[in-house]
N, C-alpha and C. Protein backbone atom coordinates (compact mmCIF):
# COMPACT_ATOMS: atom_id res chain seq x y z
N MET A 1 -9.08 -11.87 -11.84
CA MET A 1 -8.83 -10.47 -11.52
C MET A 1 -7.39 -10.10 -11.80
N GLN A 2 -6.46 -11.04 -11.63
CA GLN A 2 -5.06 -10.73 -11.85
C GLN A 2 -4.82 -10.24 -13.27
N ASP A 3 -5.53 -10.78 -14.23
CA ASP A 3 -5.38 -10.36 -15.62
C ASP A 3 -5.80 -8.90 -15.80
N ASN A 4 -6.64 -8.39 -14.93
CA ASN A 4 -7.13 -7.02 -15.04
C ASN A 4 -6.28 -6.02 -14.28
N LEU A 5 -5.18 -6.46 -13.65
CA LEU A 5 -4.33 -5.53 -12.91
C LEU A 5 -3.49 -4.72 -13.88
N ASN A 6 -3.48 -3.43 -13.68
CA ASN A 6 -2.66 -2.52 -14.47
C ASN A 6 -2.14 -1.45 -13.51
N PRO A 7 -0.82 -1.34 -13.35
CA PRO A 7 -0.27 -0.39 -12.38
C PRO A 7 -0.69 1.06 -12.58
N ARG A 8 -1.15 1.40 -13.77
CA ARG A 8 -1.61 2.77 -13.99
C ARG A 8 -2.91 3.05 -13.23
N TYR A 9 -3.60 1.98 -12.84
CA TYR A 9 -4.87 2.09 -12.13
C TYR A 9 -4.78 1.35 -10.81
N PRO A 10 -4.28 1.99 -9.76
CA PRO A 10 -4.01 1.29 -8.50
C PRO A 10 -5.25 0.88 -7.71
N SER A 11 -6.44 1.30 -8.11
CA SER A 11 -7.63 0.97 -7.32
C SER A 11 -7.84 -0.55 -7.19
N ARG A 12 -7.55 -1.30 -8.22
CA ARG A 12 -7.71 -2.76 -8.14
C ARG A 12 -6.69 -3.37 -7.19
N TYR A 13 -5.49 -2.80 -7.17
CA TYR A 13 -4.47 -3.25 -6.22
C TYR A 13 -4.95 -2.97 -4.79
N MET A 14 -5.56 -1.82 -4.59
CA MET A 14 -6.07 -1.44 -3.27
C MET A 14 -7.13 -2.43 -2.81
N ILE A 15 -8.04 -2.78 -3.71
CA ILE A 15 -9.10 -3.72 -3.36
C ILE A 15 -8.52 -5.09 -3.00
N LEU A 16 -7.62 -5.59 -3.83
CA LEU A 16 -7.01 -6.88 -3.55
C LEU A 16 -6.23 -6.87 -2.24
N PHE A 17 -5.49 -5.78 -2.00
CA PHE A 17 -4.72 -5.69 -0.76
C PHE A 17 -5.66 -5.68 0.44
N GLY A 18 -6.73 -4.93 0.37
CA GLY A 18 -7.70 -4.90 1.46
C GLY A 18 -8.33 -6.26 1.72
N ILE A 19 -8.66 -6.97 0.68
CA ILE A 19 -9.24 -8.31 0.82
C ILE A 19 -8.22 -9.27 1.44
N ALA A 20 -6.98 -9.20 0.96
CA ALA A 20 -5.94 -10.13 1.41
C ALA A 20 -5.52 -9.89 2.86
N THR A 21 -5.63 -8.64 3.32
CA THR A 21 -5.10 -8.30 4.65
C THR A 21 -6.15 -7.94 5.67
N GLY A 22 -7.34 -7.56 5.24
CA GLY A 22 -8.38 -7.11 6.16
C GLY A 22 -8.14 -5.71 6.68
N CYS A 23 -7.25 -4.97 6.04
CA CYS A 23 -6.97 -3.59 6.48
C CYS A 23 -8.15 -2.67 6.18
N ARG A 24 -8.30 -1.67 7.02
CA ARG A 24 -9.29 -0.62 6.78
C ARG A 24 -8.87 0.20 5.57
N PHE A 25 -9.84 0.84 4.92
CA PHE A 25 -9.54 1.63 3.73
C PHE A 25 -8.50 2.70 4.01
N SER A 26 -8.64 3.41 5.12
CA SER A 26 -7.68 4.48 5.44
C SER A 26 -6.28 3.92 5.69
N GLU A 27 -6.19 2.67 6.15
CA GLU A 27 -4.89 2.02 6.34
C GLU A 27 -4.29 1.64 4.99
N VAL A 28 -5.11 1.16 4.08
CA VAL A 28 -4.64 0.82 2.74
C VAL A 28 -4.12 2.08 2.05
N VAL A 29 -4.87 3.15 2.11
CA VAL A 29 -4.46 4.39 1.45
C VAL A 29 -3.23 4.99 2.13
N GLY A 30 -3.06 4.72 3.42
CA GLY A 30 -1.92 5.24 4.16
C GLY A 30 -0.66 4.42 4.05
N LEU A 31 -0.70 3.34 3.33
CA LEU A 31 0.47 2.48 3.20
C LEU A 31 1.56 3.16 2.37
N THR A 32 2.79 3.14 2.87
CA THR A 32 3.94 3.66 2.14
C THR A 32 4.95 2.53 1.96
N TRP A 33 5.83 2.69 0.99
CA TRP A 33 6.76 1.61 0.66
C TRP A 33 7.69 1.25 1.80
N ASP A 34 7.98 2.18 2.69
CA ASP A 34 8.85 1.85 3.81
C ASP A 34 8.17 0.90 4.80
N CYS A 35 6.89 0.68 4.65
CA CYS A 35 6.15 -0.26 5.51
C CYS A 35 6.20 -1.69 4.98
N VAL A 36 6.62 -1.86 3.75
CA VAL A 36 6.60 -3.18 3.11
C VAL A 36 7.99 -3.81 3.21
N ASP A 37 8.05 -5.01 3.78
CA ASP A 37 9.30 -5.76 3.88
C ASP A 37 9.14 -7.03 3.02
N PHE A 38 9.67 -6.95 1.81
CA PHE A 38 9.53 -8.07 0.88
C PHE A 38 10.28 -9.31 1.36
N LYS A 39 11.43 -9.13 2.00
CA LYS A 39 12.22 -10.28 2.47
C LYS A 39 11.52 -11.02 3.61
N GLN A 40 11.00 -10.28 4.57
CA GLN A 40 10.33 -10.89 5.72
C GLN A 40 8.86 -11.22 5.42
N GLN A 41 8.37 -10.79 4.28
CA GLN A 41 6.98 -10.99 3.85
C GLN A 41 6.00 -10.42 4.87
N THR A 42 6.30 -9.18 5.30
CA THR A 42 5.44 -8.50 6.28
C THR A 42 5.17 -7.07 5.84
N ILE A 43 4.12 -6.53 6.42
CA ILE A 43 3.76 -5.12 6.20
C ILE A 43 3.42 -4.51 7.55
N LYS A 44 3.99 -3.34 7.81
CA LYS A 44 3.69 -2.61 9.04
C LYS A 44 2.51 -1.68 8.80
N ILE A 45 1.51 -1.80 9.62
CA ILE A 45 0.39 -0.86 9.58
C ILE A 45 0.64 0.09 10.76
N ASN A 46 1.09 1.29 10.44
CA ASN A 46 1.47 2.23 11.50
C ASN A 46 0.90 3.63 11.32
N LYS A 47 0.05 3.79 10.30
CA LYS A 47 -0.58 5.09 10.07
C LYS A 47 -1.79 4.91 9.15
N THR A 48 -2.58 5.94 9.06
CA THR A 48 -3.70 5.98 8.13
C THR A 48 -3.58 7.24 7.29
N PHE A 49 -4.44 7.37 6.30
CA PHE A 49 -4.48 8.59 5.51
C PHE A 49 -5.89 9.16 5.61
N ASP A 50 -5.98 10.40 6.04
CA ASP A 50 -7.28 11.07 6.16
C ASP A 50 -7.65 11.66 4.80
N TYR A 51 -8.41 10.90 4.04
CA TYR A 51 -8.79 11.29 2.68
C TYR A 51 -10.02 12.20 2.65
N GLN A 52 -10.63 12.45 3.82
CA GLN A 52 -11.85 13.25 3.84
C GLN A 52 -11.63 14.69 4.29
N ARG A 53 -10.74 14.89 5.26
CA ARG A 53 -10.58 16.24 5.80
C ARG A 53 -9.20 16.84 5.57
N THR A 54 -8.19 16.25 6.17
CA THR A 54 -6.86 16.89 6.16
C THR A 54 -6.01 16.51 4.96
N LEU A 55 -6.34 15.42 4.29
CA LEU A 55 -5.53 14.89 3.20
C LEU A 55 -4.08 14.72 3.64
N ASP A 56 -3.92 14.14 4.83
CA ASP A 56 -2.60 13.94 5.41
C ASP A 56 -2.60 12.63 6.20
N PHE A 57 -1.41 12.18 6.54
CA PHE A 57 -1.27 10.97 7.34
C PHE A 57 -1.65 11.25 8.79
N LEU A 58 -2.26 10.27 9.41
CA LEU A 58 -2.68 10.36 10.81
C LEU A 58 -2.30 9.06 11.51
N PRO A 59 -2.31 9.05 12.84
CA PRO A 59 -2.11 7.79 13.56
C PRO A 59 -3.25 6.82 13.26
N THR A 60 -3.02 5.56 13.57
CA THR A 60 -4.08 4.57 13.38
C THR A 60 -5.23 4.84 14.35
N LYS A 61 -6.32 4.13 14.14
CA LYS A 61 -7.54 4.35 14.93
C LYS A 61 -7.28 4.27 16.44
N ASN A 62 -6.44 3.32 16.85
CA ASN A 62 -6.03 3.20 18.25
C ASN A 62 -4.69 2.48 18.28
N ASP A 63 -4.05 2.43 19.46
CA ASP A 63 -2.73 1.79 19.55
C ASP A 63 -2.76 0.33 19.13
N GLY A 64 -3.86 -0.34 19.40
CA GLY A 64 -3.99 -1.73 19.01
C GLY A 64 -4.05 -1.94 17.50
N SER A 65 -4.34 -0.89 16.77
CA SER A 65 -4.40 -0.99 15.31
C SER A 65 -3.02 -0.99 14.68
N MET A 66 -2.02 -0.52 15.41
CA MET A 66 -0.65 -0.57 14.91
C MET A 66 -0.17 -2.01 15.01
N ARG A 67 0.22 -2.58 13.87
CA ARG A 67 0.56 -3.98 13.85
C ARG A 67 1.45 -4.31 12.65
N THR A 68 2.05 -5.46 12.71
CA THR A 68 2.79 -6.01 11.57
C THR A 68 2.06 -7.27 11.14
N ILE A 69 1.75 -7.34 9.85
CA ILE A 69 1.00 -8.47 9.34
C ILE A 69 1.83 -9.27 8.34
N SER A 70 1.64 -10.56 8.34
CA SER A 70 2.28 -11.42 7.34
C SER A 70 1.46 -11.35 6.06
N VAL A 71 2.15 -11.42 4.94
CA VAL A 71 1.48 -11.27 3.65
C VAL A 71 1.83 -12.47 2.76
N ASP A 72 0.85 -12.95 2.03
CA ASP A 72 1.04 -14.10 1.15
C ASP A 72 1.87 -13.72 -0.08
N PRO A 73 2.49 -14.71 -0.73
CA PRO A 73 3.35 -14.44 -1.90
C PRO A 73 2.63 -13.73 -3.05
N PHE A 74 1.37 -14.06 -3.31
CA PHE A 74 0.65 -13.39 -4.39
C PHE A 74 0.51 -11.89 -4.12
N THR A 75 0.14 -11.53 -2.90
CA THR A 75 -0.01 -10.12 -2.56
C THR A 75 1.33 -9.40 -2.70
N LEU A 76 2.39 -10.03 -2.23
CA LEU A 76 3.72 -9.43 -2.38
C LEU A 76 4.10 -9.26 -3.85
N SER A 77 3.73 -10.23 -4.68
CA SER A 77 4.09 -10.14 -6.10
C SER A 77 3.39 -8.97 -6.78
N PHE A 78 2.11 -8.74 -6.47
CA PHE A 78 1.46 -7.61 -7.14
C PHE A 78 1.91 -6.28 -6.54
N LEU A 79 2.30 -6.27 -5.27
CA LEU A 79 2.89 -5.05 -4.70
C LEU A 79 4.23 -4.74 -5.35
N LYS A 80 5.03 -5.78 -5.58
CA LYS A 80 6.33 -5.59 -6.23
C LYS A 80 6.14 -5.04 -7.64
N GLU A 81 5.16 -5.56 -8.35
CA GLU A 81 4.84 -5.06 -9.70
C GLU A 81 4.49 -3.57 -9.66
N LEU A 82 3.69 -3.20 -8.69
CA LEU A 82 3.30 -1.80 -8.54
C LEU A 82 4.51 -0.94 -8.17
N LEU A 83 5.36 -1.42 -7.30
CA LEU A 83 6.56 -0.68 -6.90
C LEU A 83 7.48 -0.42 -8.10
N VAL A 84 7.74 -1.45 -8.89
CA VAL A 84 8.59 -1.29 -10.07
C VAL A 84 8.00 -0.26 -11.03
N TYR A 85 6.70 -0.34 -11.25
CA TYR A 85 6.04 0.63 -12.13
C TYR A 85 6.19 2.05 -11.59
N GLN A 86 5.93 2.23 -10.29
CA GLN A 86 6.02 3.57 -9.70
C GLN A 86 7.45 4.11 -9.73
N GLN A 87 8.44 3.26 -9.47
CA GLN A 87 9.83 3.71 -9.52
C GLN A 87 10.21 4.16 -10.92
N THR A 88 9.78 3.41 -11.91
CA THR A 88 10.06 3.77 -13.30
C THR A 88 9.38 5.08 -13.65
N LYS A 89 8.13 5.22 -13.26
CA LYS A 89 7.37 6.43 -13.55
C LYS A 89 7.96 7.64 -12.83
N LEU A 90 8.38 7.46 -11.58
CA LEU A 90 8.95 8.56 -10.82
C LEU A 90 10.25 9.05 -11.43
N LYS A 91 11.05 8.14 -11.94
CA LYS A 91 12.31 8.53 -12.59
C LYS A 91 12.02 9.38 -13.82
N LYS A 92 11.00 8.99 -14.57
CA LYS A 92 10.66 9.73 -15.78
C LYS A 92 10.09 11.11 -15.45
N GLU A 93 9.23 11.17 -14.43
CA GLU A 93 8.54 12.42 -14.10
C GLU A 93 9.26 13.24 -13.05
N LYS A 94 10.26 12.63 -12.39
CA LYS A 94 11.05 13.32 -11.37
C LYS A 94 10.17 13.89 -10.24
N THR A 95 9.24 13.07 -9.77
CA THR A 95 8.40 13.44 -8.64
C THR A 95 8.81 12.62 -7.43
N ALA A 96 8.28 12.96 -6.27
CA ALA A 96 8.74 12.31 -5.05
C ALA A 96 7.61 11.65 -4.28
N ARG A 97 6.64 11.10 -4.93
CA ARG A 97 5.54 10.43 -4.24
C ARG A 97 6.03 9.12 -3.65
N THR A 98 5.78 8.90 -2.37
CA THR A 98 6.24 7.68 -1.72
C THR A 98 5.10 6.79 -1.25
N TRP A 99 3.89 7.11 -1.61
CA TRP A 99 2.77 6.25 -1.22
C TRP A 99 2.89 4.95 -1.94
N CYS A 100 2.31 3.95 -1.35
CA CYS A 100 2.35 2.62 -1.96
C CYS A 100 1.14 2.44 -2.87
N LEU A 101 -0.03 2.41 -2.28
CA LEU A 101 -1.26 2.19 -3.04
C LEU A 101 -1.96 3.48 -3.16
């Protein structure tokens, strides 16, 4: 699957991230780069994205859903690849999207 990863198509990254972390779909879609700590190898799950109604960020399902999870090196490497691609693309297009996946 790694050979099929292309940052222009983030859906495969989303699937891999969900499998690697067990996050709910709305948590995966709600992930922003400020939640990713590459040095500590952790990700904060502190919000979701309501893709059905409001198209906006919302709190997690319950307080217990807010958590920090450890992430394996492979997952971090493909997230880093996606981050570099998005930063390059944002500079070219001069947009301000801060979503991760």
